[in-house]
Amino acid sequence: MANFVLNAQAREAAVQGKGSSRRLRREALVPAIIYGGNAEPVAVTLQLRELVKALESNAFFEEVVEINIDGKAESVKIQALQRHPAKNTPMHADFKRA
């Protein structure tokens, strides 16, 4: 069982790209992607508040994280995190399946 559990929603191909990501960030959401393993990559949206809370712990970067995507659980590790240069808030996250 993972110590960190995040809830996410899958994004369709129509809701991807620069403009869509900017709209998501204005709504306090963070675009992310889950890739690796034998499955196809999945674009997801995370709540900014949940992600910031998890990022407060350094263990988040080392341990397996569980992401619930519309009722289906994925075990992942964070691969990359992009932050806003001035505000230091997360802008995008990459997760790799564990």
PDB file of N, CA and C in Angstrom:
ATOM      1  N   MET A   1       0.848  -1.182   0.000  1.00  0.00           N
ATOM      2  CA  MET A   1       0.000   0.000   0.000  1.00  0.00           C
ATOM      3  C   MET A   1       0.889   1.240   0.000  1.00  0.00           C
ATOM      4  N   ALA A   2       0.581   2.152  -0.877  1.00  0.00           N
ATOM      5  CA  ALA A   2       1.356   3.380  -0.985  1.00  0.00           C
ATOM      6  C   ALA A   2       0.956   4.367   0.105  1.00  0.00           C
ATOM      7  N   ASN A   3       1.924   5.121   0.576  1.00  0.00           N
ATOM      8  CA  ASN A   3       1.650   6.144   1.580  1.00  0.00           C
ATOM      9  C   ASN A   3       0.963   7.360   0.970  1.00  0.00           C
ATOM     10  N   PHE A   4       1.161   7.573  -0.314  1.00  0.00           N
ATOM     11  CA  PHE A   4       0.592   8.733  -0.984  1.00  0.00           C
ATOM     12  C   PHE A   4      -0.453   8.262  -1.983  1.00  0.00           C
ATOM     13  N   VAL A   5      -1.646   8.820  -1.875  1.00  0.00           N
ATOM     14  CA  VAL A   5      -2.740   8.488  -2.779  1.00  0.00           C
ATOM     15  C   VAL A   5      -3.275   9.779  -3.363  1.00  0.00           C
ATOM     16  N   LEU A   6      -3.287   9.864  -4.696  1.00  0.00           N
ATOM     17  CA  LEU A   6      -3.811  11.034  -5.395  1.00  0.00           C
ATOM     18  C   LEU A   6      -5.001  10.612  -6.240  1.00  0.00           C
ATOM     19  N   ASN A   7      -5.978  11.474  -6.341  1.00  0.00           N
ATOM     20  CA  ASN A   7      -7.128  11.225  -7.205  1.00  0.00           C
ATOM     21  C   ASN A   7      -6.938  12.008  -8.488  1.00  0.00           C
ATOM     22  N   ALA A   8      -7.264  11.375  -9.609  1.00  0.00           N
ATOM     23  CA  ALA A   8      -7.066  12.009 -10.907  1.00  0.00           C
ATOM     24  C   ALA A   8      -8.247  11.715 -11.819  1.00  0.00           C
ATOM     25  N   GLN A   9      -8.349  12.515 -12.863  1.00  0.00           N
ATOM     26  CA  GLN A   9      -9.340  12.294 -13.903  1.00  0.00           C
ATOM     27  C   GLN A   9      -8.598  12.174 -15.222  1.00  0.00           C
ATOM     28  N   ALA A  10      -9.015  11.218 -16.048  1.00  0.00           N
ATOM     29  CA  ALA A  10      -8.401  11.039 -17.358  1.00  0.00           C
ATOM     30  C   ALA A  10      -8.829  12.192 -18.270  1.00  0.00           C
ATOM     31  N   ARG A  11      -7.928  12.582 -19.180  1.00  0.00           N
ATOM     32  CA  ARG A  11      -8.226  13.630 -20.157  1.00  0.00           C
ATOM     33  C   ARG A  11      -8.302  13.027 -21.539  1.00  0.00           C
ATOM     34  N   GLU A  12      -9.253  13.492 -22.341  1.00  0.00           N
ATOM     35  CA  GLU A  12      -9.354  13.048 -23.724  1.00  0.00           C
ATOM     36  C   GLU A  12      -8.329  13.804 -24.576  1.00  0.00           C
ATOM     37  N   ALA A  13      -8.140  13.358 -25.797  1.00  0.00           N
ATOM     38  CA  ALA A  13      -7.178  14.004 -26.699  1.00  0.00           C
ATOM     39  C   ALA A  13      -7.591  15.440 -27.009  1.00  0.00           C
ATOM     40  N   ALA A  14      -8.893  15.749 -26.982  1.00  0.00           N
ATOM     41  CA  ALA A  14      -9.366  17.100 -27.286  1.00  0.00           C
ATOM     42  C   ALA A  14      -9.013  18.091 -26.178  1.00  0.00           C
ATOM     43  N   VAL A  15      -8.715  17.589 -24.980  1.00  0.00           N
ATOM     44  CA  VAL A  15      -8.417  18.466 -23.842  1.00  0.00           C
ATOM     45  C   VAL A  15      -6.925  18.397 -23.521  1.00  0.00           C
ATOM     46  N   GLN A  16      -6.109  18.359 -24.537  1.00  0.00           N
ATOM     47  CA  GLN A  16      -4.662  18.336 -24.349  1.00  0.00           C
ATOM     48  C   GLN A  16      -4.046  19.437 -25.191  1.00  0.00           C
ATOM     49  N   GLY A  17      -2.883  19.877 -24.799  1.00  0.00           N
ATOM     50  CA  GLY A  17      -2.203  20.937 -25.528  1.00  0.00           C
ATOM     51  C   GLY A  17      -1.982  22.155 -24.651  1.00  0.00           C
ATOM     52  N   LYS A  18      -1.316  23.156 -25.216  1.00  0.00           N
ATOM     53  CA  LYS A  18      -0.932  24.333 -24.450  1.00  0.00           C
ATOM     54  C   LYS A  18      -2.141  25.115 -23.934  1.00  0.00           C
ATOM     55  N   GLY A  19      -3.097  25.402 -24.792  1.00  0.00           N
ATOM     56  CA  GLY A  19      -4.261  26.187 -24.378  1.00  0.00           C
ATOM     57  C   GLY A  19      -5.096  25.466 -23.339  1.00  0.00           C
ATOM     58  N   SER A  20      -5.314  24.187 -23.538  1.00  0.00           N
ATOM     59  CA  SER A  20      -6.096  23.403 -22.586  1.00  0.00           C
ATOM     60  C   SER A  20      -5.386  23.309 -21.234  1.00  0.00           C
ATOM     61  N   SER A  21      -4.076  23.148 -21.269  1.00  0.00           N
ATOM     62  CA  SER A  21      -3.313  23.073 -20.021  1.00  0.00           C
ATOM     63  C   SER A  21      -3.387  24.391 -19.255  1.00  0.00           C
ATOM     64  N   ARG A  22      -3.347  25.491 -19.964  1.00  0.00           N
ATOM     65  CA  ARG A  22      -3.467  26.795 -19.301  1.00  0.00           C
ATOM     66  C   ARG A  22      -4.837  26.957 -18.654  1.00  0.00           C
ATOM     67  N   ARG A  23      -5.893  26.505 -19.346  1.00  0.00           N
ATOM     68  CA  ARG A  23      -7.236  26.584 -18.768  1.00  0.00           C
ATOM     69  C   ARG A  23      -7.336  25.718 -17.518  1.00  0.00           C
ATOM     70  N   LEU A  24      -6.716  24.545 -17.555  1.00  0.00           N
ATOM     71  CA  LEU A  24      -6.738  23.669 -16.381  1.00  0.00           C
ATOM     72  C   LEU A  24      -6.035  24.335 -15.199  1.00  0.00           C
ATOM     73  N   ARG A  25      -4.888  24.952 -15.448  1.00  0.00           N
ATOM     74  CA  ARG A  25      -4.134  25.585 -14.361  1.00  0.00           C
ATOM     75  C   ARG A  25      -4.905  26.743 -13.734  1.00  0.00           C
ATOM     76  N   ARG A  26      -5.675  27.465 -14.540  1.00  0.00           N
ATOM     77  CA  ARG A  26      -6.504  28.547 -13.986  1.00  0.00           C
ATOM     78  C   ARG A  26      -7.595  28.008 -13.065  1.00  0.00           C
ATOM     79  N   GLU A  27      -7.989  26.750 -13.260  1.00  0.00           N
ATOM     80  CA  GLU A  27      -9.014  26.110 -12.431  1.00  0.00           C
ATOM     81  C   GLU A  27      -8.397  25.322 -11.273  1.00  0.00           C
ATOM     82  N   ALA A  28      -7.133  25.591 -10.956  1.00  0.00           N
ATOM     83  CA  ALA A  28      -6.396  24.925  -9.864  1.00  0.00           C
ATOM     84  C   ALA A  28      -6.262  23.428 -10.116  1.00  0.00           C
ATOM     85  N   LEU A  29      -6.006  23.066 -11.374  1.00  0.00           N
ATOM     86  CA  LEU A  29      -5.744  21.681 -11.756  1.00  0.00           C
ATOM     87  C   LEU A  29      -4.355  21.602 -12.373  1.00  0.00           C
ATOM     88  N   VAL A  30      -3.740  20.434 -12.290  1.00  0.00           N
ATOM     89  CA  VAL A  30      -2.396  20.233 -12.829  1.00  0.00           C
ATOM     90  C   VAL A  30      -2.448  19.122 -13.871  1.00  0.00           C
ATOM     91  N   PRO A  31      -2.060  19.398 -15.118  1.00  0.00           N
ATOM     92  CA  PRO A  31      -1.988  18.329 -16.110  1.00  0.00           C
ATOM     93  C   PRO A  31      -0.798  17.414 -15.802  1.00  0.00           C
ATOM     94  N   ALA A  32      -0.995  16.121 -16.058  1.00  0.00           N
ATOM     95  CA  ALA A  32       0.060  15.141 -15.801  1.00  0.00           C
ATOM     96  C   ALA A  32      -0.080  14.002 -16.796  1.00  0.00           C
ATOM     97  N   ILE A  33       0.948  13.169 -16.868  1.00  0.00           N
ATOM     98  CA  ILE A  33       0.916  11.994 -17.738  1.00  0.00           C
ATOM     99  C   ILE A  33       1.489  10.807 -16.980  1.00  0.00           C
ATOM    100  N   ILE A  34       0.918   9.654 -17.249  1.00  0.00           N
ATOM    101  CA  ILE A  34       1.397   8.390 -16.679  1.00  0.00           C
ATOM    102  C   ILE A  34       1.824   7.519 -17.852  1.00  0.00           C
ATOM    103  N   TYR A  35       3.059   7.036 -17.819  1.00  0.00           N
ATOM    104  CA  TYR A  35       3.558   6.220 -18.921  1.00  0.00           C
ATOM    105  C   TYR A  35       4.397   5.077 -18.380  1.00  0.00           C
ATOM    106  N   GLY A  36       4.838   4.213 -19.275  1.00  0.00           N
ATOM    107  CA  GLY A  36       5.688   3.092 -18.905  1.00  0.00           C
ATOM    108  C   GLY A  36       4.905   1.799 -18.796  1.00  0.00           C
ATOM    109  N   GLY A  37       5.626   0.723 -18.545  1.00  0.00           N
ATOM    110  CA  GLY A  37       4.985  -0.580 -18.438  1.00  0.00           C
ATOM    111  C   GLY A  37       4.476  -1.053 -19.787  1.00  0.00           C
ATOM    112  N   ASN A  38       3.485  -1.927 -19.767  1.00  0.00           N
ATOM    113  CA  ASN A  38       2.925  -2.476 -21.000  1.00  0.00           C
ATOM    114  C   ASN A  38       1.708  -1.708 -21.488  1.00  0.00           C
ATOM    115  N   ALA A  39       1.221  -0.750 -20.725  1.00  0.00           N
ATOM    116  CA  ALA A  39       0.016  -0.015 -21.086  1.00  0.00           C
ATOM    117  C   ALA A  39       0.365   1.263 -21.843  1.00  0.00           C
ATOM    118  N   GLU A  40      -0.630   1.808 -22.501  1.00  0.00           N
ATOM    119  CA  GLU A  40      -0.468   3.063 -23.229  1.00  0.00           C
ATOM    120  C   GLU A  40      -0.353   4.230 -22.245  1.00  0.00           C
ATOM    121  N   PRO A  41       0.298   5.322 -22.641  1.00  0.00           N
ATOM    122  CA  PRO A  41       0.342   6.505 -21.783  1.00  0.00           C
ATOM    123  C   PRO A  41      -1.063   7.070 -21.561  1.00  0.00           C
ATOM    124  N   VAL A  42      -1.281   7.606 -20.363  1.00  0.00           N
ATOM    125  CA  VAL A  42      -2.577   8.160 -20.011  1.00  0.00           C
ATOM    126  C   VAL A  42      -2.382   9.595 -19.545  1.00  0.00           C
ATOM    127  N   ALA A  43      -3.090  10.537 -20.174  1.00  0.00           N
ATOM    128  CA  ALA A  43      -3.062  11.933 -19.745  1.00  0.00           C
ATOM    129  C   ALA A  43      -4.117  12.106 -18.658  1.00  0.00           C
ATOM    130  N   VAL A  44      -3.705  12.691 -17.537  1.00  0.00           N
ATOM    131  CA  VAL A  44      -4.610  12.855 -16.404  1.00  0.00           C
ATOM    132  C   VAL A  44      -4.552  14.291 -15.897  1.00  0.00           C
ATOM    133  N   THR A  45      -5.506  14.611 -15.036  1.00  0.00           N
ATOM    134  CA  THR A  45      -5.565  15.909 -14.386  1.00  0.00           C
ATOM    135  C   THR A  45      -5.612  15.690 -12.882  1.00  0.00           C
ATOM    136  N   LEU A  46      -4.731  16.361 -12.149  1.00  0.00           N
ATOM    137  CA  LEU A  46      -4.662  16.256 -10.691  1.00  0.00           C
ATOM    138  C   LEU A  46      -5.134  17.557 -10.052  1.00  0.00           C
ATOM    139  N   GLN A  47      -5.645  17.459  -8.846  1.00  0.00           N
ATOM    140  CA  GLN A  47      -6.005  18.655  -8.075  1.00  0.00           C
ATOM    141  C   GLN A  47      -4.716  19.301  -7.560  1.00  0.00           C
ATOM    142  N   LEU A  48      -4.572  20.594  -7.760  1.00  0.00           N
ATOM    143  CA  LEU A  48      -3.379  21.316  -7.311  1.00  0.00           C
ATOM    144  C   LEU A  48      -3.186  21.176  -5.809  1.00  0.00           C
ATOM    145  N   ARG A  49      -4.253  21.299  -5.053  1.00  0.00           N
ATOM    146  CA  ARG A  49      -4.168  21.233  -3.591  1.00  0.00           C
ATOM    147  C   ARG A  49      -3.627  19.875  -3.131  1.00  0.00           C
ATOM    148  N   GLU A  50      -4.105  18.779  -3.721  1.00  0.00           N
ATOM    149  CA  GLU A  50      -3.632  17.442  -3.335  1.00  0.00           C
ATOM    150  C   GLU A  50      -2.154  17.262  -3.663  1.00  0.00           C
ATOM    151  N   LEU A  51      -1.754  17.724  -4.845  1.00  0.00           N
ATOM    152  CA  LEU A  51      -0.364  17.554  -5.271  1.00  0.00           C
ATOM    153  C   LEU A  51       0.579  18.383  -4.396  1.00  0.00           C
ATOM    154  N   VAL A  52       0.225  19.607  -4.091  1.00  0.00           N
ATOM    155  CA  VAL A  52       1.070  20.453  -3.237  1.00  0.00           C
ATOM    156  C   VAL A  52       1.213  19.828  -1.857  1.00  0.00           C
ATOM    157  N   LYS A  53       0.133  19.284  -1.320  1.00  0.00           N
ATOM    158  CA  LYS A  53       0.169  18.633  -0.007  1.00  0.00           C
ATOM    159  C   LYS A  53       1.144  17.444  -0.033  1.00  0.00           C
ATOM    160  N   ALA A  54       1.100  16.646  -1.105  1.00  0.00           N
ATOM    161  CA  ALA A  54       2.000  15.493  -1.214  1.00  0.00           C
ATOM    162  C   ALA A  54       3.447  15.932  -1.401  1.00  0.00           C
ATOM    163  N   LEU A  55       3.666  17.027  -2.118  1.00  0.00           N
ATOM    164  CA  LEU A  55       5.026  17.503  -2.388  1.00  0.00           C
ATOM    165  C   LEU A  55       5.718  18.051  -1.144  1.00  0.00           C
ATOM    166  N   GLU A  56       4.975  18.311  -0.080  1.00  0.00           N
ATOM    167  CA  GLU A  56       5.584  18.809   1.152  1.00  0.00           C
ATOM    168  C   GLU A  56       6.514  17.787   1.782  1.00  0.00           C
ATOM    169  N   SER A  57       6.299  16.513   1.477  1.00  0.00           N
ATOM    170  CA  SER A  57       7.132  15.446   2.027  1.00  0.00           C
ATOM    171  C   SER A  57       8.189  15.034   1.004  1.00  0.00           C
ATOM    172  N   ASN A  58       9.431  14.949   1.429  1.00  0.00           N
ATOM    173  CA  ASN A  58      10.505  14.507   0.534  1.00  0.00           C
ATOM    174  C   ASN A  58      10.340  13.042   0.127  1.00  0.00           C
ATOM    175  N   ALA A  59       9.633  12.265   0.934  1.00  0.00           N
ATOM    176  CA  ALA A  59       9.424  10.850   0.623  1.00  0.00           C
ATOM    177  C   ALA A  59       8.582  10.666  -0.635  1.00  0.00           C
ATOM    178  N   PHE A  60       7.818  11.689  -1.030  1.00  0.00           N
ATOM    179  CA  PHE A  60       6.983  11.610  -2.236  1.00  0.00           C
ATOM    180  C   PHE A  60       7.830  11.319  -3.470  1.00  0.00           C
ATOM    181  N   PHE A  61       9.059  11.826  -3.490  1.00  0.00           N
ATOM    182  CA  PHE A  61       9.930  11.649  -4.647  1.00  0.00           C
ATOM    183  C   PHE A  61      10.623  10.290  -4.660  1.00  0.00           C
ATOM    184  N   GLU A  62      10.548   9.539  -3.564  1.00  0.00           N
ATOM    185  CA  GLU A  62      11.252   8.267  -3.465  1.00  0.00           C
ATOM    186  C   GLU A  62      10.325   7.063  -3.446  1.00  0.00           C
ATOM    187  N   GLU A  63       9.104   7.222  -2.952  1.00  0.00           N
ATOM    188  CA  GLU A  63       8.204   6.099  -2.754  1.00  0.00           C
ATOM    189  C   GLU A  63       7.240   5.928  -3.918  1.00  0.00           C
ATOM    190  N   VAL A  64       6.590   4.775  -3.931  1.00  0.00           N
ATOM    191  CA  VAL A  64       5.559   4.487  -4.915  1.00  0.00           C
ATOM    192  C   VAL A  64       4.301   5.254  -4.518  1.00  0.00           C
ATOM    193  N   VAL A  65       3.706   5.917  -5.492  1.00  0.00           N
ATOM    194  CA  VAL A  65       2.497   6.720  -5.288  1.00  0.00           C
ATOM    195  C   VAL A  65       1.340   5.997  -5.964  1.00  0.00           C
ATOM    196  N   GLU A  66       0.188   6.003  -5.335  1.00  0.00           N
ATOM    197  CA  GLU A  66      -0.997   5.398  -5.934  1.00  0.00           C
ATOM    198  C   GLU A  66      -1.876   6.516  -6.481  1.00  0.00           C
ATOM    199  N   ILE A  67      -2.221   6.409  -7.763  1.00  0.00           N
ATOM    200  CA  ILE A  67      -3.102   7.387  -8.397  1.00  0.00           C
ATOM    201  C   ILE A  67      -4.382   6.679  -8.790  1.00  0.00           C
ATOM    202  N   ASN A  68      -5.505   7.160  -8.294  1.00  0.00           N
ATOM    203  CA  ASN A  68      -6.813   6.613  -8.644  1.00  0.00           C
ATOM    204  C   ASN A  68      -7.354   7.398  -9.826  1.00  0.00           C
ATOM    205  N   ILE A  69      -7.475   6.705 -10.960  1.00  0.00           N
ATOM    206  CA  ILE A  69      -7.968   7.336 -12.177  1.00  0.00           C
ATOM    207  C   ILE A  69      -9.361   6.796 -12.451  1.00  0.00           C
ATOM    208  N   ASP A  70     -10.349   7.594 -12.142  1.00  0.00           N
ATOM    209  CA  ASP A  70     -11.747   7.219 -12.373  1.00  0.00           C
ATOM    210  C   ASP A  70     -12.059   5.833 -11.817  1.00  0.00           C
ATOM    211  N   GLY A  71     -11.595   5.540 -10.602  1.00  0.00           N
ATOM    212  CA  GLY A  71     -11.886   4.274  -9.943  1.00  0.00           C
ATOM    213  C   GLY A  71     -10.852   3.177 -10.156  1.00  0.00           C
ATOM    214  N   LYS A  72      -9.886   3.381 -11.040  1.00  0.00           N
ATOM    215  CA  LYS A  72      -8.840   2.386 -11.301  1.00  0.00           C
ATOM    216  C   LYS A  72      -7.526   2.889 -10.694  1.00  0.00           C
ATOM    217  N   ALA A  73      -6.868   2.035  -9.923  1.00  0.00           N
ATOM    218  CA  ALA A  73      -5.635   2.440  -9.235  1.00  0.00           C
ATOM    219  C   ALA A  73      -4.405   2.111 -10.073  1.00  0.00           C
ATOM    220  N   GLU A  74      -3.465   3.048 -10.123  1.00  0.00           N
ATOM    221  CA  GLU A  74      -2.173   2.867 -10.800  1.00  0.00           C
ATOM    222  C   GLU A  74      -1.071   3.116  -9.776  1.00  0.00           C
ATOM    223  N   SER A  75      -0.079   2.223  -9.715  1.00  0.00           N
ATOM    224  CA  SER A  75       1.089   2.418  -8.856  1.00  0.00           C
ATOM    225  C   SER A  75       2.187   3.044  -9.695  1.00  0.00           C
ATOM    226  N   VAL A  76       2.629   4.226  -9.295  1.00  0.00           N
ATOM    227  CA  VAL A  76       3.593   4.986 -10.095  1.00  0.00           C
ATOM    228  C   VAL A  76       4.652   5.616  -9.197  1.00  0.00           C
ATOM    229  N   LYS A  77       5.723   6.079  -9.837  1.00  0.00           N
ATOM    230  CA  LYS A  77       6.737   6.907  -9.166  1.00  0.00           C
ATOM    231  C   LYS A  77       6.856   8.181  -9.980  1.00  0.00           C
ATOM    232  N   ILE A  78       7.096   9.289  -9.293  1.00  0.00           N
ATOM    233  CA  ILE A  78       7.219  10.557 -10.010  1.00  0.00           C
ATOM    234  C   ILE A  78       8.540  10.565 -10.770  1.00  0.00           C
ATOM    235  N   GLN A  79       8.479  10.933 -12.038  1.00  0.00           N
ATOM    236  CA  GLN A  79       9.664  10.951 -12.894  1.00  0.00           C
ATOM    237  C   GLN A  79      10.172  12.385 -13.073  1.00  0.00           C
ATOM    238  N   ALA A  80       9.250  13.326 -13.295  1.00  0.00           N
ATOM    239  CA  ALA A  80       9.644  14.720 -13.497  1.00  0.00           C
ATOM    240  C   ALA A  80       8.527  15.629 -13.011  1.00  0.00           C
ATOM    241  N   LEU A  81       8.914  16.813 -12.560  1.00  0.00           N
ATOM    242  CA  LEU A  81       7.956  17.798 -12.089  1.00  0.00           C
ATOM    243  C   LEU A  81       8.391  19.165 -12.590  1.00  0.00           C
ATOM    244  N   GLN A  82       7.496  19.850 -13.297  1.00  0.00           N
ATOM    245  CA  GLN A  82       7.791  21.198 -13.767  1.00  0.00           C
ATOM    246  C   GLN A  82       7.074  22.183 -12.858  1.00  0.00           C
ATOM    247  N   ARG A  83       7.801  23.220 -12.439  1.00  0.00           N
ATOM    248  CA  ARG A  83       7.238  24.236 -11.557  1.00  0.00           C
ATOM    249  C   ARG A  83       7.278  25.590 -12.247  1.00  0.00           C
ATOM    250  N   HIS A  84       6.380  26.466 -11.830  1.00  0.00           N
ATOM    251  CA  HIS A  84       6.361  27.838 -12.333  1.00  0.00           C
ATOM    252  C   HIS A  84       7.637  28.527 -11.838  1.00  0.00           C
ATOM    253  N   PRO A  85       8.340  29.265 -12.699  1.00  0.00           N
ATOM    254  CA  PRO A  85       9.618  29.845 -12.293  1.00  0.00           C
ATOM    255  C   PRO A  85       9.527  30.874 -11.170  1.00  0.00           C
ATOM    256  N   ALA A  86       8.451  31.620 -11.099  1.00  0.00           N
ATOM    257  CA  ALA A  86       8.348  32.643 -10.063  1.00  0.00           C
ATOM    258  C   ALA A  86       7.509  32.192  -8.873  1.00  0.00           C
ATOM    259  N   LYS A  87       6.395  31.514  -9.139  1.00  0.00           N
ATOM    260  CA  LYS A  87       5.473  31.128  -8.065  1.00  0.00           C
ATOM    261  C   LYS A  87       5.849  29.807  -7.407  1.00  0.00           C
ATOM    262  N   ASN A  88       6.643  28.986  -8.079  1.00  0.00           N
ATOM    263  CA  ASN A  88       7.087  27.684  -7.584  1.00  0.00           C
ATOM    264  C   ASN A  88       5.938  26.683  -7.432  1.00  0.00           C
ATOM    265  N   THR A  89       4.812  26.928  -8.092  1.00  0.00           N
ATOM    266  CA  THR A  89       3.699  25.976  -8.053  1.00  0.00           C
ATOM    267  C   THR A  89       3.888  24.944  -9.158  1.00  0.00           C
ATOM    268  N   PRO A  90       3.428  23.722  -8.951  1.00  0.00           N
ATOM    269  CA  PRO A  90       3.562  22.680  -9.983  1.00  0.00           C
ATOM    270  C   PRO A  90       2.765  23.043 -11.238  1.00  0.00           C
ATOM    271  N   MET A  91       3.393  22.844 -12.397  1.00  0.00           N
ATOM    272  CA  MET A  91       2.721  23.126 -13.667  1.00  0.00           C
ATOM    273  C   MET A  91       2.427  21.846 -14.437  1.00  0.00           C
ATOM    274  N   HIS A  92       3.261  20.827 -14.273  1.00  0.00           N
ATOM    275  CA  HIS A  92       3.075  19.563 -14.984  1.00  0.00           C
ATOM    276  C   HIS A  92       3.871  18.487 -14.267  1.00  0.00           C
ATOM    277  N   ALA A  93       3.333  17.271 -14.278  1.00  0.00           N
ATOM    278  CA  ALA A  93       4.025  16.153 -13.632  1.00  0.00           C
ATOM    279  C   ALA A  93       4.053  14.950 -14.564  1.00  0.00           C
ATOM    280  N   ASP A  94       5.154  14.232 -14.543  1.00  0.00           N
ATOM    281  CA  ASP A  94       5.318  12.986 -15.285  1.00  0.00           C
ATOM    282  C   ASP A  94       5.451  11.863 -14.271  1.00  0.00           C
ATOM    283  N   PHE A  95       4.658  10.815 -14.437  1.00  0.00           N
ATOM    284  CA  PHE A  95       4.719   9.650 -13.564  1.00  0.00           C
ATOM    285  C   PHE A  95       5.031   8.419 -14.389  1.00  0.00           C
ATOM    286  N   LYS A  96       5.869   7.540 -13.852  1.00  0.00           N
ATOM    287  CA  LYS A  96       6.240   6.296 -14.513  1.00  0.00           C
ATOM    288  C   LYS A  96       5.669   5.138 -13.721  1.00  0.00           C
ATOM    289  N   ARG A  97       5.039   4.199 -14.416  1.00  0.00           N
ATOM    290  CA  ARG A  97       4.448   3.059 -13.726  1.00  0.00           C
ATOM    291  C   ARG A  97       5.521   2.236 -13.024  1.00  0.00           C
ATOM    292  N   ALA A  98       5.216   1.815 -11.812  1.00  0.00           N
ATOM    293  CA  ALA A  98       6.177   1.048 -11.023  1.00  0.00           C
ATOM    294  C   ALA A  98       6.019  -0.441 -11.265  1.00  0.00           C
TER     295      ALA A  98
END
